Amino acid sequence: MTARSSPATRTGGRRASFIRDSVSIPDGQTEVWAFLAALSGAGPVETPLSAVFLGGGEAWKLRKAVRFPFVDFSTLDARHRASLRDFELNKAAAPDIYRDVLAVTRGTDGLRFGGDGPVLDWVVSMARVPEGEFLDVVARRGGLAPFLRELGDVVSAMHSRLAPCDVDHVASMRHVLDGNLATALAAGIDKAALAPVMAGLEAELDRIAPWLASRARDGFVRRAHGDLHLGNLCLWQGHPVPFDALEFDEAMATIDLGYDLAFLLMDLDRLAGRGAANLVLNRYIARTGDVGLLEGLGLFVGMRALIRAHVTRRMGGDPADYLARAMAALQRTQPVVMALGGLPGSGKSTLALRLAPGLGVMGAVVLRADEARKRYFGVLPETRLPPEAYDETVSRVVLDGLVRDAAVAAASGHYVILDTTFLDPQDRDAAKSAAGAAAFRAVWLEAPPEVLEARVASRTGDASDATVAVLRRAASTARPPVDWPRLDTSDAAAVERFVLDVTQSASSC
């Protein structure tokens, strides 16, 4: 963890929040406290569990010698173990921020780091991150947009490094939910306001319990970050980096990866808007292929919102907005599979980006063939592939996988946007079949040839590898489906009418 002056929060029912308050120096730590204050030139940023002293380019995190029902740091050995675990958990994701675990010892000339004298305490040494580089601060000033795709990449990469855990995840989620209810009541949230939220969360947990168990069996429950809100991510050397993983409770941080992601999505939704949350969700799914997490997204986001609600109340704020967000996350709407087809440059991905944020919990999931192909080859979506990556065999595997994912997402009650050319009638039939009991809607996008060519020629940093030559070959043989309505994407007014029609139709379901 690097130091900061604004509050951060922790998850779960046993610890409500980190609050910057004037906690007295614990017994036995006065000397170490004074030593660190002298190094930093000021008092620390405090939380109930730690004190972080800010130097010019360095910060030192000292755990307080305190004991709470959920954690005991009262002994030197316990603080040493916690410091080592903190360093271990965060070093992989933030190697340039987390520097070392240092002993504070007494020598003949006073206190120092290291040395052969008796150890008085332990600190985690970190690089100091400027206050303006924490992502919640960046979000509040409207500066997150350039980092959203990379944020999805960073979280997916972090999750990919984690080993699956064999736990009773249903029981642990019930424990966390029960703990949050108790904490919310203790924080002073009105029982009547809390009742419908808890009833909804409990009902949803009961509904998806078999799915949660299957997720654990399939390897999606891992020892994750555990506290992945925007305040625990920062910009380091221009790139988003997670830090301050929950270190004091292994059970609380051994969770479904979707639940880990949900804290970030909920925070993005509130501080940067639904479009930001939807972009990160879709980037994460594009990188991991974990479309299955959608089944639990309502519960996961709702539980994270409840956590924020009781933290906000304990800090003297109004929890009403977070309680409303929890209820909204649990609302189930009519699932829809929408197929966007058309030649390269026809505007499929642009239109999907416009539509998705307004369609369902955290927006619609966009399943794009170009991104699925890159995932198949294990590269970033923007990496160009050689021509042989587009042979008929590979294309069939990619399209079949895309359709299967659409079926999973639709069965989970989510709005799905399928983004591929749909030049092959077989693909169009498969997309319609994937909808199952969900509604199916399709549209063929088109534009004048010169517009298509200009769009394709000007693409940069996109998942599509199509060139003007590829476009021309496709156009020479393309036969648009006669039963799909057409939309000229060069007609801005027509596009606006279409977007309005889709979003209004979704809201009326």
Protein backbone atom coordinates (compact mmCIF):
# COMPACT_ATOMS: atom_id res chain seq x y z
CA MET A 1 0.00 0.00 0.00
CA THR A 2 1.21 3.48 -0.73
CA ALA A 3 0.08 6.37 1.37
CA ARG A 4 -2.74 8.71 0.65
CA SER A 5 -4.84 11.28 2.44
CA SER A 6 -8.31 10.24 1.33
CA PRO A 7 -10.15 7.29 2.90
CA ALA A 8 -9.88 3.81 1.52
CA THR A 9 -12.17 0.92 2.32
CA ARG A 10 -11.97 -2.74 3.06
CA THR A 11 -14.44 -5.45 2.15
CA GLY A 12 -16.33 -7.97 4.17
CA GLY A 13 -18.34 -8.06 7.33
CA ARG A 14 -15.57 -7.99 9.89
CA ARG A 15 -13.89 -4.76 8.99
CA ALA A 16 -15.99 -1.78 8.04
CA SER A 17 -13.53 0.80 6.79
CA PHE A 18 -10.26 2.56 6.79
CA ILE A 19 -10.85 6.02 8.20
CA ARG A 20 -8.27 8.74 8.48
CA ASP A 21 -8.72 9.56 12.13
CA SER A 22 -6.52 10.56 15.02
CA VAL A 23 -5.91 7.20 16.63
CA SER A 24 -3.58 7.38 19.64
CA ILE A 25 -0.18 5.77 19.37
CA PRO A 26 -0.49 2.17 20.59
CA ASP A 27 1.39 1.20 23.72
CA GLY A 28 4.95 0.19 23.01
CA GLN A 29 5.20 1.90 19.59
CA THR A 30 5.91 5.48 20.69
CA GLU A 31 9.62 5.28 19.95
CA VAL A 32 9.19 3.72 16.50
CA TRP A 33 6.44 6.22 15.72
CA ALA A 34 8.75 9.12 16.57
CA PHE A 35 11.58 7.63 14.49
CA LEU A 36 9.37 7.32 11.39
CA ALA A 37 7.85 10.77 11.92
CA ALA A 38 11.34 12.24 12.04
CA LEU A 39 12.26 10.49 8.78
CA SER A 40 9.14 11.71 7.01
CA GLY A 41 9.04 15.14 8.58
CA ALA A 42 5.38 14.79 9.52
CA GLY A 43 2.86 12.60 11.24
CA PRO A 44 1.35 9.64 9.40
CA VAL A 45 -1.78 9.02 7.42
CA GLU A 46 -3.64 6.76 9.82
CA THR A 47 -6.14 3.97 9.58
CA PRO A 48 -7.39 1.81 12.45
CA LEU A 49 -4.80 -0.84 11.53
CA SER A 50 -1.82 1.07 10.22
CA ALA A 51 0.09 4.30 10.01
CA VAL A 52 1.78 5.31 6.77
CA PHE A 53 4.60 7.84 7.00
CA LEU A 54 5.34 9.83 3.84
CA GLY A 55 8.90 10.68 2.91
CA GLY A 56 10.04 12.63 -0.11
CA GLY A 57 10.03 9.68 -2.49
CA GLU A 58 9.38 6.85 -0.06
CA ALA A 59 6.68 5.72 2.34
CA TRP A 60 6.79 3.40 5.35
CA LYS A 61 3.77 1.42 6.49
CA LEU A 62 3.71 0.50 10.17
CA ARG A 63 1.06 -1.86 11.48
CA LYS A 64 -0.41 -0.74 14.77
CA ALA A 65 -0.17 -2.95 17.83
CA VAL A 66 -3.95 -3.34 18.04
CA ARG A 67 -6.42 -6.17 18.39
CA PHE A 68 -9.88 -6.33 16.84
CA PRO A 69 -12.34 -9.22 16.51
CA PHE A 70 -11.22 -9.74 12.92
CA VAL A 71 -7.46 -9.25 13.28
CA ASP A 72 -4.77 -9.29 15.97
CA PHE A 73 -1.62 -7.20 15.44
CA SER A 74 -0.82 -6.90 19.14
CA THR A 75 2.40 -8.93 18.96
CA LEU A 76 5.61 -8.16 17.13
CA ASP A 77 5.53 -11.57 15.47
CA ALA A 78 2.00 -10.96 14.14
CA ARG A 79 3.00 -7.60 12.69
CA HIS A 80 6.04 -9.18 11.07
CA ARG A 81 3.96 -11.91 9.44
CA ALA A 82 1.39 -9.38 8.21
CA SER A 83 4.09 -7.16 6.74
CA LEU A 84 5.66 -10.09 4.91
CA ARG A 85 2.27 -11.17 3.57
CA ASP A 86 1.46 -7.63 2.49
CA PHE A 87 4.74 -7.46 0.58
CA GLU A 88 4.30 -10.92 -0.93
CA LEU A 89 0.76 -10.24 -2.16
CA ASN A 90 1.50 -6.87 -3.74
CA LYS A 91 5.03 -7.23 -5.08
CA ALA A 92 3.97 -9.20 -8.17
CA ALA A 93 1.45 -6.59 -9.33
CA ALA A 94 3.38 -3.52 -8.18
CA PRO A 95 7.08 -4.47 -8.18
CA ASP A 96 8.34 -0.91 -8.46
CA ILE A 97 6.15 0.33 -5.60
CA TYR A 98 6.76 -2.39 -3.00
CA ARG A 99 10.44 -2.30 -2.07
CA ASP A 100 11.14 -4.25 1.10
CA VAL A 101 10.12 -5.32 4.59
CA LEU A 102 12.43 -3.57 7.04
CA ALA A 103 13.18 -4.16 10.69
CA VAL A 104 13.35 -1.11 12.94
CA THR A 105 16.15 -1.89 15.39
CA ARG A 106 17.83 -0.18 18.31
CA GLY A 107 21.53 0.50 17.98
CA THR A 108 24.03 2.34 20.10
CA ASP A 109 23.22 5.55 18.25
CA GLY A 110 19.45 5.16 18.33
CA LEU A 111 16.85 3.58 16.04
CA ARG A 112 17.62 2.56 12.49
CA PHE A 113 16.49 0.23 9.69
CA GLY A 114 18.30 -3.09 9.83
CA GLY A 115 21.32 -3.65 12.01
CA ASP A 116 22.10 -6.22 14.67
CA GLY A 117 20.24 -4.63 17.55
CA PRO A 118 16.94 -5.79 18.99
CA VAL A 119 13.97 -5.51 16.60
CA LEU A 120 11.37 -3.06 17.84
CA ASP A 121 8.97 -3.29 14.90
CA TRP A 122 8.56 -3.94 11.19
CA VAL A 123 7.57 -1.68 8.30
CA VAL A 124 6.85 -2.16 4.62
CA SER A 125 8.96 0.19 2.53
CA MET A 126 7.27 1.57 -0.59
CA ALA A 127 7.70 4.18 -3.26
CA ARG A 128 5.51 7.18 -2.64
CA VAL A 129 2.73 7.63 -5.16
CA PRO A 130 1.52 11.22 -5.69
CA GLU A 131 -2.00 11.79 -4.41
CA GLY A 132 -3.25 12.79 -7.86
CA GLU A 133 -2.26 9.43 -9.34
CA PHE A 134 -4.73 7.29 -7.39
CA LEU A 135 -7.47 6.18 -9.76
CA ASP A 136 -10.38 7.40 -7.66
CA VAL A 137 -8.81 10.85 -7.80
CA VAL A 138 -8.18 10.46 -11.54
CA ALA A 139 -11.81 9.41 -12.01
CA ARG A 140 -13.16 12.42 -10.13
CA ARG A 141 -11.26 14.75 -12.42
CA GLY A 142 -12.54 12.91 -15.49
CA GLY A 143 -9.17 11.49 -16.51
CA LEU A 144 -9.75 7.73 -16.64
CA ALA A 145 -10.76 7.33 -20.29
CA PRO A 146 -7.23 6.73 -21.70
CA PHE A 147 -6.59 3.93 -19.20
CA LEU A 148 -9.79 1.89 -19.26
CA ARG A 149 -8.77 -0.82 -21.72
CA GLU A 150 -5.41 -1.19 -20.01
CA LEU A 151 -7.22 -1.41 -16.68
CA GLY A 152 -9.12 -4.44 -17.98
CA ASP A 153 -5.82 -5.91 -19.19
CA VAL A 154 -4.12 -5.37 -15.83
CA VAL A 155 -6.88 -7.03 -13.83
CA SER A 156 -7.16 -9.97 -16.22
CA ALA A 157 -3.38 -10.47 -16.11
CA MET A 158 -3.38 -10.32 -12.31
CA HIS A 159 -6.17 -12.90 -12.12
CA SER A 160 -4.45 -15.21 -14.61
CA ARG A 161 -1.45 -15.54 -12.29
CA LEU A 162 -3.54 -16.87 -9.40
CA ALA A 163 -3.95 -20.52 -8.49
CA PRO A 164 -7.44 -22.05 -8.05
CA CYS A 165 -8.52 -22.72 -4.46
CA ASP A 166 -10.63 -25.59 -3.19
CA VAL A 167 -13.13 -23.94 -0.81
CA ASP A 168 -16.83 -24.04 0.00
CA HIS A 169 -17.48 -20.79 -1.78
CA VAL A 170 -21.23 -20.79 -1.18
CA ALA A 171 -20.69 -20.94 2.56
CA SER A 172 -18.04 -18.24 2.46
CA MET A 173 -20.30 -15.91 0.46
CA ARG A 174 -23.10 -16.47 2.96
CA HIS A 175 -20.67 -15.63 5.75
CA VAL A 176 -19.61 -12.40 4.03
CA LEU A 177 -23.23 -11.42 3.37
CA ASP A 178 -24.27 -12.11 6.96
CA GLY A 179 -21.28 -10.15 8.21
CA ASN A 180 -22.14 -7.20 6.05
CA LEU A 181 -25.70 -7.17 7.35
CA ALA A 182 -24.44 -7.05 10.92
CA THR A 183 -21.90 -4.37 10.05
CA ALA A 184 -24.48 -2.28 8.20
CA LEU A 185 -26.84 -2.37 11.17
CA ALA A 186 -24.00 -1.56 13.56
CA ALA A 187 -23.02 1.38 11.34
CA GLY A 188 -26.52 2.80 11.80
CA ILE A 189 -28.16 2.12 8.44
CA ASP A 190 -31.92 2.19 8.86
CA LYS A 191 -33.27 -1.34 9.19
CA ALA A 192 -36.23 -0.61 6.95
CA ALA A 193 -33.98 0.75 4.20
CA LEU A 194 -31.68 -2.25 4.53
CA ALA A 195 -34.37 -4.94 4.54
CA PRO A 196 -35.20 -5.04 0.81
CA VAL A 197 -31.52 -4.99 -0.12
CA MET A 198 -30.72 -7.91 2.15
CA ALA A 199 -33.79 -9.84 1.03
CA GLY A 200 -32.79 -9.37 -2.59
CA LEU A 201 -29.16 -10.37 -2.02
CA GLU A 202 -30.12 -13.43 0.01
CA ALA A 203 -32.63 -14.55 -2.64
CA GLU A 204 -30.07 -14.10 -5.40
CA LEU A 205 -27.44 -16.00 -3.43
CA ASP A 206 -29.90 -18.86 -2.97
CA ARG A 207 -30.74 -18.81 -6.68
CA ILE A 208 -27.17 -19.03 -7.92
CA ALA A 209 -25.70 -21.22 -5.16
CA PRO A 210 -25.29 -24.22 -7.51
CA TRP A 211 -23.54 -21.99 -10.01
CA LEU A 212 -21.20 -20.61 -7.33
CA ALA A 213 -20.26 -24.14 -6.38
CA SER A 214 -19.58 -25.02 -10.00
CA ARG A 215 -17.39 -21.93 -10.38
CA ALA A 216 -15.22 -23.17 -7.52
CA ARG A 217 -14.96 -26.61 -9.13
CA ASP A 218 -14.01 -24.99 -12.44
CA GLY A 219 -11.14 -23.01 -10.92
CA PHE A 220 -12.62 -19.51 -10.79
CA VAL A 221 -12.28 -19.16 -7.00
CA ARG A 222 -8.79 -17.94 -6.15
CA ARG A 223 -6.89 -15.99 -3.54
CA ALA A 224 -7.56 -12.66 -5.24
CA HIS A 225 -6.88 -9.01 -4.49
CA GLY A 226 -9.99 -8.80 -2.33
CA ASP A 227 -10.29 -5.01 -2.23
CA LEU A 228 -10.13 -3.92 -5.85
CA HIS A 229 -11.79 -0.52 -5.74
CA LEU A 230 -10.41 2.53 -7.54
CA GLY A 231 -8.68 3.81 -4.41
CA ASN A 232 -6.48 0.72 -4.47
CA LEU A 233 -5.25 1.29 -8.00
CA CYS A 234 -2.87 4.01 -9.08
CA LEU A 235 -1.00 5.26 -12.10
CA TRP A 236 2.64 4.31 -11.91
CA GLN A 237 4.88 5.49 -14.74
CA GLY A 238 1.73 6.16 -16.73
CA HIS A 239 0.11 2.75 -16.29
CA PRO A 240 -2.60 1.47 -13.92
CA VAL A 241 -1.27 -0.71 -11.11
CA PRO A 242 -3.22 -2.49 -8.34
CA PHE A 243 -1.84 -2.35 -4.81
CA ASP A 244 -2.89 -2.83 -1.17
CA ALA A 245 -4.46 -6.26 -1.60
CA LEU A 246 -6.40 -7.46 1.42
CA GLU A 247 -3.71 -9.19 3.45
CA PHE A 248 -5.09 -9.91 6.89
CA ASP A 249 -7.80 -12.49 6.10
CA GLU A 250 -7.19 -15.24 3.57
CA ALA A 251 -10.79 -16.45 3.64
CA MET A 252 -12.17 -12.99 2.90
CA ALA A 253 -9.93 -12.66 -0.15
CA THR A 254 -10.44 -16.21 -1.48
CA ILE A 255 -13.31 -15.42 -3.80
CA ASP A 256 -14.74 -15.78 -7.26
CA LEU A 257 -12.75 -13.68 -9.72
CA GLY A 258 -16.00 -12.08 -10.82
CA TYR A 259 -16.59 -10.88 -7.26
CA ASP A 260 -13.08 -9.41 -7.21
CA LEU A 261 -13.77 -7.59 -10.49
CA ALA A 262 -17.19 -6.40 -9.32
CA PHE A 263 -15.78 -3.93 -6.78
CA LEU A 264 -13.91 -2.17 -9.57
CA LEU A 265 -16.96 -2.17 -11.85
CA MET A 266 -19.23 -0.79 -9.15
CA ASP A 267 -16.73 1.95 -8.32
CA LEU A 268 -16.23 2.82 -11.99
CA ASP A 269 -19.98 3.00 -12.52
CA ARG A 270 -20.34 5.54 -9.73
CA LEU A 271 -17.24 7.67 -10.28
CA ALA A 272 -16.68 7.46 -14.04
CA GLY A 273 -20.05 6.38 -15.45
CA ARG A 274 -21.65 3.26 -16.84
CA GLY A 275 -19.70 3.52 -20.09
CA ALA A 276 -16.40 3.20 -18.23
CA ALA A 277 -17.61 0.21 -16.21
CA ASN A 278 -18.99 -1.47 -19.32
CA LEU A 279 -15.77 -0.96 -21.28
CA VAL A 280 -13.67 -2.55 -18.51
CA LEU A 281 -16.13 -5.43 -18.15
CA ASN A 282 -16.02 -6.17 -21.86
CA ARG A 283 -12.26 -5.81 -22.04
CA TYR A 284 -11.89 -8.24 -19.14
CA ILE A 285 -14.17 -10.78 -20.82
CA ALA A 286 -12.39 -10.29 -24.15
CA ARG A 287 -9.05 -11.06 -22.51
CA THR A 288 -10.15 -13.94 -20.25
CA GLY A 289 -13.10 -15.45 -22.11
CA ASP A 290 -14.90 -15.64 -18.76
CA VAL A 291 -18.38 -14.83 -20.01
CA GLY A 292 -19.67 -17.18 -17.31
CA LEU A 293 -19.11 -14.56 -14.60
CA LEU A 294 -22.23 -12.77 -15.84
CA GLU A 295 -24.45 -15.23 -13.97
CA GLY A 296 -23.23 -13.83 -10.65
CA LEU A 297 -22.70 -10.21 -11.65
CA GLY A 298 -25.91 -8.94 -10.06
CA LEU A 299 -25.10 -10.53 -6.71
CA PHE A 300 -21.45 -9.51 -6.86
CA VAL A 301 -22.14 -5.85 -7.68
CA GLY A 302 -24.96 -5.71 -5.14
CA MET A 303 -22.74 -7.05 -2.36
CA ARG A 304 -19.99 -4.59 -3.21
CA ALA A 305 -22.52 -1.74 -3.14
CA LEU A 306 -23.71 -2.87 0.30
CA ILE A 307 -20.12 -2.78 1.54
CA ARG A 308 -19.73 0.77 0.29
CA ALA A 309 -23.06 1.67 1.89
CA HIS A 310 -22.05 0.72 5.42
CA VAL A 311 -18.57 2.20 5.01
CA THR A 312 -20.15 5.47 3.86
CA ARG A 313 -22.57 5.46 6.79
CA ARG A 314 -19.81 4.78 9.30
CA MET A 315 -17.89 7.73 7.88
CA GLY A 316 -20.88 10.01 8.38
CA GLY A 317 -22.21 9.94 4.81
CA ASP A 318 -25.56 9.00 3.31
CA PRO A 319 -25.67 5.36 2.15
CA ALA A 320 -28.86 5.78 0.09
CA ASP A 321 -27.12 5.90 -3.29
CA TYR A 322 -25.25 2.66 -2.65
CA LEU A 323 -28.36 0.91 -1.38
CA ALA A 324 -30.15 1.97 -4.56
CA ARG A 325 -27.24 0.64 -6.63
CA ALA A 326 -27.45 -2.69 -4.83
CA MET A 327 -31.15 -2.97 -5.64
CA ALA A 328 -30.58 -1.94 -9.26
CA ALA A 329 -27.91 -4.60 -9.68
CA LEU A 330 -30.42 -7.27 -8.71
CA GLN A 331 -33.05 -6.28 -11.26
CA ARG A 332 -33.42 -8.91 -13.96
CA THR A 333 -34.53 -7.83 -17.42
CA GLN A 334 -35.50 -9.65 -20.57
CA PRO A 335 -32.29 -11.00 -22.15
CA VAL A 336 -31.67 -10.15 -25.78
CA VAL A 337 -29.15 -11.37 -28.35
CA MET A 338 -28.47 -8.68 -30.92
CA ALA A 339 -26.45 -9.54 -34.02
CA LEU A 340 -24.63 -6.68 -35.73
CA GLY A 341 -23.46 -7.73 -39.18
CA GLY A 342 -21.84 -5.97 -42.08
CA LEU A 343 -18.66 -5.52 -44.06
CA PRO A 344 -15.43 -4.29 -42.45
CA GLY A 345 -15.78 -0.58 -41.73
CA SER A 346 -19.56 -0.68 -41.52
CA GLY A 347 -19.48 0.54 -37.92
CA LYS A 348 -20.35 -2.62 -35.97
CA SER A 349 -17.91 -2.08 -33.13
CA THR A 350 -18.60 1.66 -32.94
CA LEU A 351 -22.32 1.03 -32.70
CA ALA A 352 -21.84 -1.73 -30.11
CA LEU A 353 -19.80 0.70 -28.00
CA ARG A 354 -22.63 3.23 -28.22
CA LEU A 355 -25.34 0.73 -27.34
CA ALA A 356 -23.79 -1.43 -24.66
CA PRO A 357 -23.66 0.89 -21.61
CA GLY A 358 -27.42 1.43 -21.60
CA LEU A 359 -28.40 -2.24 -21.69
CA GLY A 360 -28.60 -4.08 -18.36
CA VAL A 361 -26.42 -4.52 -15.25
CA MET A 362 -23.09 -2.86 -16.08
CA GLY A 363 -24.27 -2.77 -19.69
CA ALA A 364 -24.43 -5.38 -22.44
CA VAL A 365 -21.67 -7.88 -23.03
CA VAL A 366 -20.13 -7.31 -26.46
CA LEU A 367 -18.75 -10.45 -28.07
CA ARG A 368 -16.52 -9.42 -30.94
CA ALA A 369 -15.04 -11.98 -33.32
CA ASP A 370 -11.87 -9.92 -33.82
CA GLU A 371 -11.16 -9.98 -30.07
CA ALA A 372 -12.05 -13.67 -29.72
CA ARG A 373 -9.59 -14.53 -32.50
CA LYS A 374 -6.80 -12.65 -30.74
CA ARG A 375 -7.61 -14.46 -27.49
CA TYR A 376 -7.46 -17.77 -29.37
CA PHE A 377 -3.88 -16.94 -30.37
CA GLY A 378 -3.00 -15.59 -26.91
CA VAL A 379 -2.21 -12.02 -27.95
CA LEU A 380 -3.54 -8.56 -27.14
CA PRO A 381 -6.59 -7.56 -29.20
CA GLU A 382 -4.58 -4.86 -30.95
CA THR A 383 -1.84 -7.27 -32.09
CA ARG A 384 -1.89 -7.91 -35.84
CA LEU A 385 -2.07 -11.53 -36.91
CA PRO A 386 -0.68 -13.12 -40.08
CA PRO A 387 -3.05 -14.10 -42.92
CA GLU A 388 -3.02 -17.79 -41.95
CA ALA A 389 -4.76 -16.86 -38.67
CA TYR A 390 -7.81 -16.14 -40.82
CA ASP A 391 -8.10 -19.48 -42.56
CA GLU A 392 -11.48 -21.20 -42.66
CA THR A 393 -10.71 -23.69 -39.89
CA VAL A 394 -9.67 -21.03 -37.38
CA SER A 395 -12.58 -18.80 -38.34
CA ARG A 396 -15.03 -21.63 -37.71
CA VAL A 397 -13.56 -22.29 -34.25
CA VAL A 398 -13.77 -18.58 -33.40
CA LEU A 399 -17.36 -18.22 -34.59
CA ASP A 400 -18.51 -21.37 -32.86
CA GLY A 401 -16.99 -20.14 -29.61
CA LEU A 402 -18.59 -16.74 -30.03
CA VAL A 403 -22.01 -18.32 -30.44
CA ARG A 404 -21.51 -20.56 -27.39
CA ASP A 405 -20.55 -17.54 -25.31
CA ALA A 406 -23.63 -15.69 -26.52
CA ALA A 407 -25.81 -18.58 -25.40
CA VAL A 408 -24.18 -18.58 -21.95
CA ALA A 409 -24.60 -14.83 -21.55
CA ALA A 410 -28.22 -14.87 -22.70
CA ALA A 411 -29.06 -17.78 -20.40
CA SER A 412 -27.62 -15.68 -17.56
CA GLY A 413 -30.20 -13.00 -18.27
CA HIS A 414 -27.92 -10.49 -19.97
CA TYR A 415 -28.11 -8.41 -23.10
CA VAL A 416 -25.61 -9.69 -25.68
CA ILE A 417 -24.26 -7.90 -28.74
CA LEU A 418 -22.59 -10.15 -31.32
CA ASP A 419 -20.13 -8.27 -33.50
CA THR A 420 -18.88 -10.03 -36.64
CA THR A 421 -19.48 -9.77 -40.38
CA PHE A 422 -22.18 -12.50 -40.50
CA LEU A 423 -21.44 -12.95 -44.19
CA ASP A 424 -22.08 -16.68 -43.87
CA PRO A 425 -25.79 -17.66 -43.52
CA GLN A 426 -24.67 -20.50 -41.24
CA ASP A 427 -23.35 -17.92 -38.76
CA ARG A 428 -26.59 -15.98 -38.88
CA ASP A 429 -28.62 -19.10 -38.14
CA ALA A 430 -26.29 -20.03 -35.28
CA ALA A 431 -26.63 -16.58 -33.71
CA LYS A 432 -30.40 -16.84 -33.76
CA SER A 433 -30.27 -20.30 -32.20
CA ALA A 434 -27.94 -19.05 -29.46
CA ALA A 435 -30.64 -16.73 -28.20
CA GLY A 436 -32.63 -19.69 -26.94
CA ALA A 437 -35.47 -18.30 -24.84
CA ALA A 438 -34.06 -14.79 -25.15
CA ALA A 439 -35.26 -12.31 -27.72
CA PHE A 440 -33.26 -12.10 -30.95
CA ARG A 441 -32.66 -8.93 -32.90
CA ALA A 442 -30.44 -8.45 -35.93
CA VAL A 443 -29.38 -5.53 -38.10
CA TRP A 444 -27.19 -5.29 -41.18
CA LEU A 445 -24.93 -2.23 -41.16
CA GLU A 446 -23.81 -0.59 -44.37
CA ALA A 447 -22.35 2.60 -45.76
CA PRO A 448 -21.21 3.86 -49.18
CA PRO A 449 -18.05 2.10 -50.46
CA GLU A 450 -15.90 5.20 -50.15
CA VAL A 451 -16.94 5.60 -46.50
CA LEU A 452 -16.15 1.96 -45.73
CA GLU A 453 -12.71 2.25 -47.32
CA ALA A 454 -11.90 5.50 -45.54
CA ARG A 455 -12.85 3.99 -42.19
CA VAL A 456 -10.77 0.85 -42.71
CA ALA A 457 -7.76 2.80 -43.97
CA SER A 458 -7.79 5.13 -40.95
CA ARG A 459 -7.99 2.46 -38.23
CA THR A 460 -5.28 2.42 -35.59
CA GLY A 461 -5.07 0.49 -32.32
CA ASP A 462 -8.06 -1.68 -33.19
CA ALA A 463 -8.69 -5.42 -32.91
CA SER A 464 -9.62 -5.69 -36.58
CA ASP A 465 -6.86 -6.64 -39.01
CA ALA A 466 -9.01 -5.97 -42.08
CA THR A 467 -7.36 -3.92 -44.81
CA VAL A 468 -8.92 -2.13 -47.76
CA ALA A 469 -7.98 -5.12 -49.91
CA VAL A 470 -9.81 -7.47 -47.51
CA LEU A 471 -12.83 -5.17 -47.58
CA ARG A 472 -12.93 -5.11 -51.37
CA ARG A 473 -12.73 -8.90 -51.63
CA ALA A 474 -15.53 -9.30 -49.09
CA ALA A 475 -17.68 -6.69 -50.83
CA SER A 476 -17.34 -8.44 -54.18
CA THR A 477 -19.10 -11.56 -52.90
CA ALA A 478 -21.19 -10.33 -49.97
CA ARG A 479 -24.92 -11.04 -50.05
CA PRO A 480 -26.69 -9.16 -47.26
CA PRO A 481 -29.46 -11.17 -45.53
CA VAL A 482 -32.85 -10.30 -46.95
CA ASP A 483 -34.60 -10.77 -43.59
CA TRP A 484 -32.35 -8.41 -41.57
CA PRO A 485 -33.22 -4.71 -41.42
CA ARG A 486 -30.52 -2.42 -42.76
CA LEU A 487 -28.94 0.63 -41.18
CA ASP A 488 -26.81 3.12 -43.07
CA THR A 489 -24.21 4.15 -40.49
CA SER A 490 -23.15 7.14 -42.57
CA ASP A 491 -26.56 8.63 -41.71
CA ALA A 492 -26.03 10.06 -38.22
CA ALA A 493 -29.72 10.76 -37.68
CA ALA A 494 -30.66 7.19 -38.57
CA VAL A 495 -28.04 5.86 -36.15
CA GLU A 496 -29.38 8.07 -33.37
CA ARG A 497 -32.92 6.84 -33.99
CA PHE A 498 -31.72 3.24 -33.88
CA VAL A 499 -29.82 3.73 -30.61
CA LEU A 500 -32.85 5.38 -29.03
CA ASP A 501 -35.13 2.59 -30.22
CA VAL A 502 -32.87 -0.13 -28.81
CA THR A 503 -32.35 1.51 -25.41
CA GLN A 504 -36.05 2.32 -25.02
CA SER A 505 -37.01 -1.23 -25.97
CA ALA A 506 -34.58 -2.60 -23.39
CA SER A 507 -35.85 -0.33 -20.63
CA SER A 508 -39.45 -1.36 -21.25
CA CYS A 509 -38.72 -5.09 -20.83
